[in-house]
Amino acid sequence: MIPSTTTQSEMKWLTFKLPDFWGSALVNGDYSGLDDDEEKELDSFVNYWNQHLYMNTAHVPSDENAVIESHFMKDHDASSFGVLACDCWEYRFVIRPNSPFN
């Protein structure tokens, strides 16, 4: 899948469909809910995108009741990092100024 780009408040964001179980690690830096394989897959994703995105800016959109929409997906943006079909959330990351995605 190809992540989409949006602009908000003079910042550009790249949007991905990623595993919901990555949420705590991406948003809060808490890897305690991941097993060793899941942590390696997430680290591979972060290392791959770190030069283009501020990885510490993960945002998961929710509605006014803080409900996060989840969808079961076979083809998502973490598939190429070894993650199998799973429930996914939409995650947004701020694009670095020097990135070609900007």
PDB file of N, CA and C in Angstrom:
ATOM      1  N   MET A   1       0.831  -1.180   0.000  1.00  0.00           N
ATOM      2  CA  MET A   1       0.000   0.000   0.000  1.00  0.00           C
ATOM      3  C   MET A   1       0.874   1.241   0.000  1.00  0.00           C
ATOM      4  N   ILE A   2       0.344   2.326  -0.516  1.00  0.00           N
ATOM      5  CA  ILE A   2       1.063   3.589  -0.547  1.00  0.00           C
ATOM      6  C   ILE A   2       0.423   4.522   0.477  1.00  0.00           C
ATOM      7  N   PRO A   3       1.205   4.989   1.458  1.00  0.00           N
ATOM      8  CA  PRO A   3       0.644   5.903   2.450  1.00  0.00           C
ATOM      9  C   PRO A   3       0.197   7.205   1.796  1.00  0.00           C
ATOM     10  N   SER A   4      -0.797   7.842   2.380  1.00  0.00           N
ATOM     11  CA  SER A   4      -1.293   9.106   1.830  1.00  0.00           C
ATOM     12  C   SER A   4      -0.740  10.288   2.612  1.00  0.00           C
ATOM     13  N   THR A   5      -0.688  11.450   1.947  1.00  0.00           N
ATOM     14  CA  THR A   5      -0.168  12.666   2.547  1.00  0.00           C
ATOM     15  C   THR A   5      -1.303  13.653   2.794  1.00  0.00           C
ATOM     16  N   THR A   6      -1.297  14.293   3.965  1.00  0.00           N
ATOM     17  CA  THR A   6      -2.252  15.356   4.264  1.00  0.00           C
ATOM     18  C   THR A   6      -1.495  16.525   4.883  1.00  0.00           C
ATOM     19  N   THR A   7      -2.073  17.717   4.765  1.00  0.00           N
ATOM     20  CA  THR A   7      -1.484  18.909   5.370  1.00  0.00           C
ATOM     21  C   THR A   7      -2.429  19.411   6.448  1.00  0.00           C
ATOM     22  N   GLN A   8      -1.872  19.726   7.601  1.00  0.00           N
ATOM     23  CA  GLN A   8      -2.666  20.216   8.722  1.00  0.00           C
ATOM     24  C   GLN A   8      -1.812  21.192   9.514  1.00  0.00           C
ATOM     25  N   SER A   9      -2.288  22.395   9.695  1.00  0.00           N
ATOM     26  CA  SER A   9      -1.583  23.405  10.496  1.00  0.00           C
ATOM     27  C   SER A   9      -0.137  23.574  10.065  1.00  0.00           C
ATOM     28  N   GLU A  10       0.094  23.725   8.770  1.00  0.00           N
ATOM     29  CA  GLU A  10       1.432  23.939   8.221  1.00  0.00           C
ATOM     30  C   GLU A  10       2.358  22.724   8.363  1.00  0.00           C
ATOM     31  N   MET A  11       1.859  21.616   8.889  1.00  0.00           N
ATOM     32  CA  MET A  11       2.640  20.389   8.965  1.00  0.00           C
ATOM     33  C   MET A  11       2.062  19.401   7.973  1.00  0.00           C
ATOM     34  N   LYS A  12       2.927  18.652   7.337  1.00  0.00           N
ATOM     35  CA  LYS A  12       2.455  17.596   6.451  1.00  0.00           C
ATOM     36  C   LYS A  12       2.568  16.267   7.187  1.00  0.00           C
ATOM     37  N   TRP A  13       1.543  15.460   7.018  1.00  0.00           N
ATOM     38  CA  TRP A  13       1.469  14.157   7.678  1.00  0.00           C
ATOM     39  C   TRP A  13       1.425  13.062   6.630  1.00  0.00           C
ATOM     40  N   LEU A  14       2.047  11.938   6.934  1.00  0.00           N
ATOM     41  CA  LEU A  14       1.933  10.739   6.110  1.00  0.00           C
ATOM     42  C   LEU A  14       1.068   9.757   6.888  1.00  0.00           C
ATOM     43  N   THR A  15       0.087   9.184   6.215  1.00  0.00           N
ATOM     44  CA  THR A  15      -0.881   8.309   6.863  1.00  0.00           C
ATOM     45  C   THR A  15      -0.648   6.862   6.445  1.00  0.00           C
ATOM     46  N   PHE A  16      -0.672   5.960   7.428  1.00  0.00           N
ATOM     47  CA  PHE A  16      -0.458   4.536   7.209  1.00  0.00           C
ATOM     48  C   PHE A  16      -1.589   3.729   7.836  1.00  0.00           C
ATOM     49  N   LYS A  17      -1.823   2.542   7.302  1.00  0.00           N
ATOM     50  CA  LYS A  17      -2.680   1.536   7.931  1.00  0.00           C
ATOM     51  C   LYS A  17      -1.721   0.518   8.552  1.00  0.00           C
ATOM     52  N   LEU A  18      -1.671   0.497   9.894  1.00  0.00           N
ATOM     53  CA  LEU A  18      -0.709  -0.333  10.622  1.00  0.00           C
ATOM     54  C   LEU A  18      -1.418  -1.140  11.700  1.00  0.00           C
ATOM     55  N   PRO A  19      -0.772  -2.207  12.196  1.00  0.00           N
ATOM     56  CA  PRO A  19      -1.393  -3.053  13.226  1.00  0.00           C
ATOM     57  C   PRO A  19      -1.828  -2.259  14.455  1.00  0.00           C
ATOM     58  N   ASP A  20      -3.018  -2.582  14.938  1.00  0.00           N
ATOM     59  CA  ASP A  20      -3.505  -1.900  16.144  1.00  0.00           C
ATOM     60  C   ASP A  20      -2.648  -2.235  17.355  1.00  0.00           C
ATOM     61  N   PHE A  21      -2.029  -3.416  17.368  1.00  0.00           N
ATOM     62  CA  PHE A  21      -1.208  -3.804  18.524  1.00  0.00           C
ATOM     63  C   PHE A  21       0.125  -3.062  18.570  1.00  0.00           C
ATOM     64  N   TRP A  22       0.443  -2.278  17.551  1.00  0.00           N
ATOM     65  CA  TRP A  22       1.617  -1.412  17.577  1.00  0.00           C
ATOM     66  C   TRP A  22       1.314  -0.086  18.279  1.00  0.00           C
ATOM     67  N   GLY A  23       0.052   0.189  18.560  1.00  0.00           N
ATOM     68  CA  GLY A  23      -0.377   1.483  19.069  1.00  0.00           C
ATOM     69  C   GLY A  23       0.375   1.963  20.292  1.00  0.00           C
ATOM     70  N   SER A  24       0.463   1.147  21.304  1.00  0.00           N
ATOM     71  CA  SER A  24       1.112   1.557  22.548  1.00  0.00           C
ATOM     72  C   SER A  24       2.583   1.891  22.323  1.00  0.00           C
ATOM     73  N   ALA A  25       3.242   1.100  21.481  1.00  0.00           N
ATOM     74  CA  ALA A  25       4.662   1.348  21.207  1.00  0.00           C
ATOM     75  C   ALA A  25       4.860   2.623  20.392  1.00  0.00           C
ATOM     76  N   LEU A  26       4.039   2.822  19.352  1.00  0.00           N
ATOM     77  CA  LEU A  26       4.201   4.000  18.498  1.00  0.00           C
ATOM     78  C   LEU A  26       3.770   5.293  19.182  1.00  0.00           C
ATOM     79  N   VAL A  27       2.696   5.250  19.921  1.00  0.00           N
ATOM     80  CA  VAL A  27       2.167   6.472  20.540  1.00  0.00           C
ATOM     81  C   VAL A  27       2.850   6.781  21.868  1.00  0.00           C
ATOM     82  N   ASN A  28       3.085   5.742  22.690  1.00  0.00           N
ATOM     83  CA  ASN A  28       3.606   5.964  24.050  1.00  0.00           C
ATOM     84  C   ASN A  28       5.022   5.443  24.279  1.00  0.00           C
ATOM     85  N   GLY A  29       5.608   4.779  23.286  1.00  0.00           N
ATOM     86  CA  GLY A  29       6.941   4.213  23.467  1.00  0.00           C
ATOM     87  C   GLY A  29       6.959   2.992  24.374  1.00  0.00           C
ATOM     88  N   ASP A  30       5.793   2.359  24.573  1.00  0.00           N
ATOM     89  CA  ASP A  30       5.668   1.199  25.467  1.00  0.00           C
ATOM     90  C   ASP A  30       5.588  -0.085  24.641  1.00  0.00           C
ATOM     91  N   TYR A  31       6.688  -0.817  24.619  1.00  0.00           N
ATOM     92  CA  TYR A  31       6.794  -2.047  23.841  1.00  0.00           C
ATOM     93  C   TYR A  31       6.397  -3.281  24.655  1.00  0.00           C
ATOM     94  N   SER A  32       5.947  -3.124  25.876  1.00  0.00           N
ATOM     95  CA  SER A  32       5.733  -4.261  26.774  1.00  0.00           C
ATOM     96  C   SER A  32       4.670  -5.240  26.275  1.00  0.00           C
ATOM     97  N   GLY A  33       3.764  -4.822  25.418  1.00  0.00           N
ATOM     98  CA  GLY A  33       2.725  -5.716  24.911  1.00  0.00           C
ATOM     99  C   GLY A  33       3.121  -6.486  23.670  1.00  0.00           C
ATOM    100  N   LEU A  34       4.335  -6.288  23.187  1.00  0.00           N
ATOM    101  CA  LEU A  34       4.775  -6.942  21.960  1.00  0.00           C
ATOM    102  C   LEU A  34       5.682  -8.124  22.269  1.00  0.00           C
ATOM    103  N   ASP A  35       5.553  -9.190  21.464  1.00  0.00           N
ATOM    104  CA  ASP A  35       6.507 -10.291  21.605  1.00  0.00           C
ATOM    105  C   ASP A  35       7.761  -9.933  20.791  1.00  0.00           C
ATOM    106  N   ASP A  36       8.778 -10.775  20.848  1.00  0.00           N
ATOM    107  CA  ASP A  36      10.058 -10.461  20.198  1.00  0.00           C
ATOM    108  C   ASP A  36       9.913 -10.250  18.694  1.00  0.00           C
ATOM    109  N   ASP A  37       9.125 -11.102  18.018  1.00  0.00           N
ATOM    110  CA  ASP A  37       8.941 -10.964  16.570  1.00  0.00           C
ATOM    111  C   ASP A  37       8.211  -9.673  16.227  1.00  0.00           C
ATOM    112  N   GLU A  38       7.176  -9.344  16.980  1.00  0.00           N
ATOM    113  CA  GLU A  38       6.435  -8.106  16.736  1.00  0.00           C
ATOM    114  C   GLU A  38       7.318  -6.879  16.942  1.00  0.00           C
ATOM    115  N   GLU A  39       8.173  -6.942  17.953  1.00  0.00           N
ATOM    116  CA  GLU A  39       9.083  -5.832  18.216  1.00  0.00           C
ATOM    117  C   GLU A  39      10.087  -5.663  17.075  1.00  0.00           C
ATOM    118  N   LYS A  40      10.606  -6.768  16.533  1.00  0.00           N
ATOM    119  CA  LYS A  40      11.544  -6.704  15.409  1.00  0.00           C
ATOM    120  C   LYS A  40      10.867  -6.118  14.173  1.00  0.00           C
ATOM    121  N   GLU A  41       9.611  -6.523  13.916  1.00  0.00           N
ATOM    122  CA  GLU A  41       8.875  -5.997  12.763  1.00  0.00           C
ATOM    123  C   GLU A  41       8.640  -4.498  12.911  1.00  0.00           C
ATOM    124  N   LEU A  42       8.247  -4.083  14.096  1.00  0.00           N
ATOM    125  CA  LEU A  42       8.029  -2.655  14.352  1.00  0.00           C
ATOM    126  C   LEU A  42       9.335  -1.880  14.225  1.00  0.00           C
ATOM    127  N   ASP A  43      10.414  -2.395  14.787  1.00  0.00           N
ATOM    128  CA  ASP A  43      11.711  -1.722  14.687  1.00  0.00           C
ATOM    129  C   ASP A  43      12.152  -1.592  13.231  1.00  0.00           C
ATOM    130  N   SER A  44      11.888  -2.609  12.424  1.00  0.00           N
ATOM    131  CA  SER A  44      12.223  -2.542  10.990  1.00  0.00           C
ATOM    132  C   SER A  44      11.443  -1.431  10.309  1.00  0.00           C
ATOM    133  N   PHE A  45      10.153  -1.321  10.636  1.00  0.00           N
ATOM    134  CA  PHE A  45       9.317  -0.261  10.079  1.00  0.00           C
ATOM    135  C   PHE A  45       9.850   1.116  10.497  1.00  0.00           C
ATOM    136  N   VAL A  46      10.109   1.290  11.782  1.00  0.00           N
ATOM    137  CA  VAL A  46      10.602   2.572  12.302  1.00  0.00           C
ATOM    138  C   VAL A  46      11.939   2.934  11.668  1.00  0.00           C
ATOM    139  N   ASN A  47      12.854   1.991  11.594  1.00  0.00           N
ATOM    140  CA  ASN A  47      14.172   2.256  11.006  1.00  0.00           C
ATOM    141  C   ASN A  47      14.053   2.632   9.532  1.00  0.00           C
ATOM    142  N   TYR A  48      13.147   1.985   8.821  1.00  0.00           N
ATOM    143  CA  TYR A  48      12.950   2.273   7.400  1.00  0.00           C
ATOM    144  C   TYR A  48      12.427   3.695   7.184  1.00  0.00           C
ATOM    145  N   TRP A  49      11.450   4.123   7.967  1.00  0.00           N
ATOM    146  CA  TRP A  49      10.788   5.413   7.772  1.00  0.00           C
ATOM    147  C   TRP A  49      11.401   6.561   8.571  1.00  0.00           C
ATOM    148  N   ASN A  50      12.302   6.294   9.483  1.00  0.00           N
ATOM    149  CA  ASN A  50      12.823   7.328  10.376  1.00  0.00           C
ATOM    150  C   ASN A  50      13.481   8.498   9.653  1.00  0.00           C
ATOM    151  N   GLN A  51      14.100   8.270   8.508  1.00  0.00           N
ATOM    152  CA  GLN A  51      14.748   9.375   7.793  1.00  0.00           C
ATOM    153  C   GLN A  51      13.738  10.326   7.147  1.00  0.00           C
ATOM    154  N   HIS A  52      12.496   9.886   6.969  1.00  0.00           N
ATOM    155  CA  HIS A  52      11.471  10.702   6.320  1.00  0.00           C
ATOM    156  C   HIS A  52      10.423  11.256   7.283  1.00  0.00           C
ATOM    157  N   LEU A  53      10.261  10.605   8.433  1.00  0.00           N
ATOM    158  CA  LEU A  53       9.182  10.960   9.356  1.00  0.00           C
ATOM    159  C   LEU A  53       9.708  11.166  10.768  1.00  0.00           C
ATOM    160  N   TYR A  54       9.016  12.013  11.517  1.00  0.00           N
ATOM    161  CA  TYR A  54       9.278  12.103  12.947  1.00  0.00           C
ATOM    162  C   TYR A  54       8.475  10.971  13.590  1.00  0.00           C
ATOM    163  N   MET A  55       9.146   9.890  13.909  1.00  0.00           N
ATOM    164  CA  MET A  55       8.452   8.692  14.394  1.00  0.00           C
ATOM    165  C   MET A  55       7.846   8.889  15.779  1.00  0.00           C
ATOM    166  N   ASN A  56       8.281   9.898  16.500  1.00  0.00           N
ATOM    167  CA  ASN A  56       7.723  10.157  17.837  1.00  0.00           C
ATOM    168  C   ASN A  56       6.466  11.029  17.769  1.00  0.00           C
ATOM    169  N   THR A  57       5.939  11.255  16.552  1.00  0.00           N
ATOM    170  CA  THR A  57       4.736  12.073  16.395  1.00  0.00           C
ATOM    171  C   THR A  57       3.509  11.244  16.041  1.00  0.00           C
ATOM    172  N   ALA A  58       3.533   9.948  16.301  1.00  0.00           N
ATOM    173  CA  ALA A  58       2.409   9.080  15.919  1.00  0.00           C
ATOM    174  C   ALA A  58       1.100   9.609  16.478  1.00  0.00           C
ATOM    175  N   HIS A  59       0.144   9.722  15.591  1.00  0.00           N
ATOM    176  CA  HIS A  59      -1.194  10.177  15.969  1.00  0.00           C
ATOM    177  C   HIS A  59      -2.193   9.170  15.418  1.00  0.00           C
ATOM    178  N   VAL A  60      -3.142   8.766  16.264  1.00  0.00           N
ATOM    179  CA  VAL A  60      -4.197   7.851  15.856  1.00  0.00           C
ATOM    180  C   VAL A  60      -5.512   8.621  15.942  1.00  0.00           C
ATOM    181  N   PRO A  61      -6.105   8.943  14.795  1.00  0.00           N
ATOM    182  CA  PRO A  61      -7.356   9.698  14.817  1.00  0.00           C
ATOM    183  C   PRO A  61      -8.486   8.912  15.488  1.00  0.00           C
ATOM    184  N   SER A  62      -9.334   9.642  16.197  1.00  0.00           N
ATOM    185  CA  SER A  62     -10.502   9.024  16.831  1.00  0.00           C
ATOM    186  C   SER A  62     -11.683   9.981  16.701  1.00  0.00           C
ATOM    187  N   ASP A  63     -12.873   9.479  16.987  1.00  0.00           N
ATOM    188  CA  ASP A  63     -14.048  10.348  16.925  1.00  0.00           C
ATOM    189  C   ASP A  63     -14.228  11.103  18.243  1.00  0.00           C
ATOM    190  N   GLU A  64     -15.322  11.831  18.367  1.00  0.00           N
ATOM    191  CA  GLU A  64     -15.536  12.660  19.567  1.00  0.00           C
ATOM    192  C   GLU A  64     -15.673  11.844  20.846  1.00  0.00           C
ATOM    193  N   ASN A  65     -15.908  10.532  20.722  1.00  0.00           N
ATOM    194  CA  ASN A  65     -16.013   9.659  21.894  1.00  0.00           C
ATOM    195  C   ASN A  65     -14.738   8.853  22.129  1.00  0.00           C
ATOM    196  N   ALA A  66     -13.663   9.239  21.460  1.00  0.00           N
ATOM    197  CA  ALA A  66     -12.357   8.568  21.557  1.00  0.00           C
ATOM    198  C   ALA A  66     -12.400   7.144  21.024  1.00  0.00           C
ATOM    199  N   VAL A  67     -13.315   6.880  20.096  1.00  0.00           N
ATOM    200  CA  VAL A  67     -13.402   5.564  19.467  1.00  0.00           C
ATOM    201  C   VAL A  67     -12.467   5.549  18.262  1.00  0.00           C
ATOM    202  N   ILE A  68     -11.644   4.524  18.199  1.00  0.00           N
ATOM    203  CA  ILE A  68     -10.709   4.355  17.092  1.00  0.00           C
ATOM    204  C   ILE A  68     -11.257   3.261  16.186  1.00  0.00           C
ATOM    205  N   GLU A  69     -11.381   3.594  14.898  1.00  0.00           N
ATOM    206  CA  GLU A  69     -11.889   2.629  13.937  1.00  0.00           C
ATOM    207  C   GLU A  69     -10.805   1.614  13.618  1.00  0.00           C
ATOM    208  N   SER A  70     -11.176   0.346  13.653  1.00  0.00           N
ATOM    209  CA  SER A  70     -10.252  -0.739  13.371  1.00  0.00           C
ATOM    210  C   SER A  70     -10.814  -1.568  12.220  1.00  0.00           C
ATOM    211  N   HIS A  71      -9.934  -2.001  11.312  1.00  0.00           N
ATOM    212  CA  HIS A  71     -10.342  -2.822  10.181  1.00  0.00           C
ATOM    213  C   HIS A  71      -9.375  -3.990  10.045  1.00  0.00           C
ATOM    214  N   PHE A  72      -9.919  -5.186   9.819  1.00  0.00           N
ATOM    215  CA  PHE A  72      -9.068  -6.335   9.562  1.00  0.00           C
ATOM    216  C   PHE A  72      -8.562  -6.217   8.131  1.00  0.00           C
ATOM    217  N   MET A  73      -7.233  -6.284   7.968  1.00  0.00           N
ATOM    218  CA  MET A  73      -6.627  -6.094   6.656  1.00  0.00           C
ATOM    219  C   MET A  73      -5.533  -7.116   6.397  1.00  0.00           C
ATOM    220  N   LYS A  74      -5.544  -7.672   5.197  1.00  0.00           N
ATOM    221  CA  LYS A  74      -4.462  -8.553   4.767  1.00  0.00           C
ATOM    222  C   LYS A  74      -3.315  -7.713   4.203  1.00  0.00           C
ATOM    223  N   ASP A  75      -3.661  -6.755   3.352  1.00  0.00           N
ATOM    224  CA  ASP A  75      -2.666  -5.886   2.727  1.00  0.00           C
ATOM    225  C   ASP A  75      -2.686  -4.532   3.420  1.00  0.00           C
ATOM    226  N   HIS A  76      -1.696  -4.305   4.263  1.00  0.00           N
ATOM    227  CA  HIS A  76      -1.572  -3.057   5.008  1.00  0.00           C
ATOM    228  C   HIS A  76      -0.142  -2.557   4.869  1.00  0.00           C
ATOM    229  N   ASP A  77       0.172  -1.439   5.470  1.00  0.00           N
ATOM    230  CA  ASP A  77       1.484  -0.818   5.282  1.00  0.00           C
ATOM    231  C   ASP A  77       2.621  -1.469   6.067  1.00  0.00           C
ATOM    232  N   ALA A  78       2.325  -2.496   6.849  1.00  0.00           N
ATOM    233  CA  ALA A  78       3.376  -3.228   7.564  1.00  0.00           C
ATOM    234  C   ALA A  78       3.596  -4.616   6.959  1.00  0.00           C
ATOM    235  N   SER A  79       2.853  -4.953   5.917  1.00  0.00           N
ATOM    236  CA  SER A  79       2.970  -6.282   5.291  1.00  0.00           C
ATOM    237  C   SER A  79       4.389  -6.582   4.828  1.00  0.00           C
ATOM    238  N   SER A  80       5.042  -5.588   4.239  1.00  0.00           N
ATOM    239  CA  SER A  80       6.394  -5.805   3.713  1.00  0.00           C
ATOM    240  C   SER A  80       7.442  -5.960   4.815  1.00  0.00           C
ATOM    241  N   PHE A  81       7.038  -5.748   6.066  1.00  0.00           N
ATOM    242  CA  PHE A  81       7.946  -5.916   7.208  1.00  0.00           C
ATOM    243  C   PHE A  81       7.675  -7.227   7.942  1.00  0.00           C
ATOM    244  N   GLY A  82       6.851  -8.102   7.339  1.00  0.00           N
ATOM    245  CA  GLY A  82       6.608  -9.426   7.892  1.00  0.00           C
ATOM    246  C   GLY A  82       5.335  -9.569   8.706  1.00  0.00           C
ATOM    247  N   VAL A  83       4.555  -8.514   8.848  1.00  0.00           N
ATOM    248  CA  VAL A  83       3.334  -8.577   9.645  1.00  0.00           C
ATOM    249  C   VAL A  83       2.225  -9.201   8.809  1.00  0.00           C
ATOM    250  N   LEU A  84       1.582 -10.216   9.369  1.00  0.00           N
ATOM    251  CA  LEU A  84       0.496 -10.906   8.676  1.00  0.00           C
ATOM    252  C   LEU A  84      -0.800 -10.108   8.804  1.00  0.00           C
ATOM    253  N   ALA A  85      -1.874 -10.625   8.213  1.00  0.00           N
ATOM    254  CA  ALA A  85      -3.192  -9.985   8.297  1.00  0.00           C
ATOM    255  C   ALA A  85      -3.550  -9.752   9.764  1.00  0.00           C
ATOM    256  N   CYS A  86      -4.126  -8.581  10.038  1.00  0.00           N
ATOM    257  CA  CYS A  86      -4.457  -8.223  11.419  1.00  0.00           C
ATOM    258  C   CYS A  86      -5.419  -7.037  11.424  1.00  0.00           C
ATOM    259  N   ASP A  87      -5.921  -6.699  12.610  1.00  0.00           N
ATOM    260  CA  ASP A  87      -6.710  -5.487  12.775  1.00  0.00           C
ATOM    261  C   ASP A  87      -5.762  -4.298  12.688  1.00  0.00           C
ATOM    262  N   CYS A  88      -6.166  -3.285  11.924  1.00  0.00           N
ATOM    263  CA  CYS A  88      -5.315  -2.117  11.706  1.00  0.00           C
ATOM    264  C   CYS A  88      -6.030  -0.833  12.064  1.00  0.00           C
ATOM    265  N   TRP A  89      -5.221   0.134  12.474  1.00  0.00           N
ATOM    266  CA  TRP A  89      -5.662   1.498  12.714  1.00  0.00           C
ATOM    267  C   TRP A  89      -4.992   2.395  11.691  1.00  0.00           C
ATOM    268  N   GLU A  90      -5.520   3.594  11.566  1.00  0.00           N
ATOM    269  CA  GLU A  90      -4.863   4.622  10.784  1.00  0.00           C
ATOM    270  C   GLU A  90      -3.917   5.373  11.719  1.00  0.00           C
ATOM    271  N   TYR A  91      -2.672   5.495  11.320  1.00  0.00           N
ATOM    272  CA  TYR A  91      -1.658   6.240  12.073  1.00  0.00           C
ATOM    273  C   TYR A  91      -1.154   7.361  11.185  1.00  0.00           C
ATOM    274  N   ARG A  92      -0.886   8.511  11.776  1.00  0.00           N
ATOM    275  CA  ARG A  92      -0.313   9.643  11.045  1.00  0.00           C
ATOM    276  C   ARG A  92       0.988  10.064  11.706  1.00  0.00           C
ATOM    277  N   PHE A  93       1.965  10.400  10.850  1.00  0.00           N
ATOM    278  CA  PHE A  93       3.278  10.853  11.314  1.00  0.00           C
ATOM    279  C   PHE A  93       3.636  12.143  10.584  1.00  0.00           C
ATOM    280  N   VAL A  94       4.285  13.074  11.284  1.00  0.00           N
ATOM    281  CA  VAL A  94       4.736  14.326  10.677  1.00  0.00           C
ATOM    282  C   VAL A  94       5.928  14.024   9.769  1.00  0.00           C
ATOM    283  N   ILE A  95       5.884  14.609   8.575  1.00  0.00           N
ATOM    284  CA  ILE A  95       6.959  14.424   7.587  1.00  0.00           C
ATOM    285  C   ILE A  95       8.098  15.385   7.907  1.00  0.00           C
ATOM    286  N   ARG A  96       9.324  14.875   7.872  1.00  0.00           N
ATOM    287  CA  ARG A  96      10.506  15.717   8.097  1.00  0.00           C
ATOM    288  C   ARG A  96      10.646  16.716   6.936  1.00  0.00           C
ATOM    289  N   PRO A  97      11.138  17.923   7.206  1.00  0.00           N
ATOM    290  CA  PRO A  97      11.247  18.959   6.172  1.00  0.00           C
ATOM    291  C   PRO A  97      12.107  18.549   4.969  1.00  0.00           C
ATOM    292  N   ASN A  98      13.148  17.770   5.184  1.00  0.00           N
ATOM    293  CA  ASN A  98      14.064  17.385   4.098  1.00  0.00           C
ATOM    294  C   ASN A  98      13.587  16.137   3.346  1.00  0.00           C
ATOM    295  N   SER A  99      12.441  15.591   3.666  1.00  0.00           N
ATOM    296  CA  SER A  99      11.949  14.373   3.037  1.00  0.00           C
ATOM    297  C   SER A  99      11.379  14.670   1.649  1.00  0.00           C
ATOM    298  N   PRO A 100      11.557  13.754   0.709  1.00  0.00           N
ATOM    299  CA  PRO A 100      10.940  13.933  -0.613  1.00  0.00           C
ATOM    300  C   PRO A 100       9.397  13.856  -0.557  1.00  0.00           C
ATOM    301  N   PHE A 101       8.850  13.395   0.557  1.00  0.00           N
ATOM    302  CA  PHE A 101       7.394  13.344   0.710  1.00  0.00           C
ATOM    303  C   PHE A 101       6.820  14.716   1.046  1.00  0.00           C
ATOM    304  N   ASN A 102       7.670  15.663   1.365  1.00  0.00           N
ATOM    305  CA  ASN A 102       7.240  17.006   1.748  1.00  0.00           C
ATOM    306  C   ASN A 102       6.898  17.840   0.535  1.00  0.00           C
TER     307      ASN A 102
END
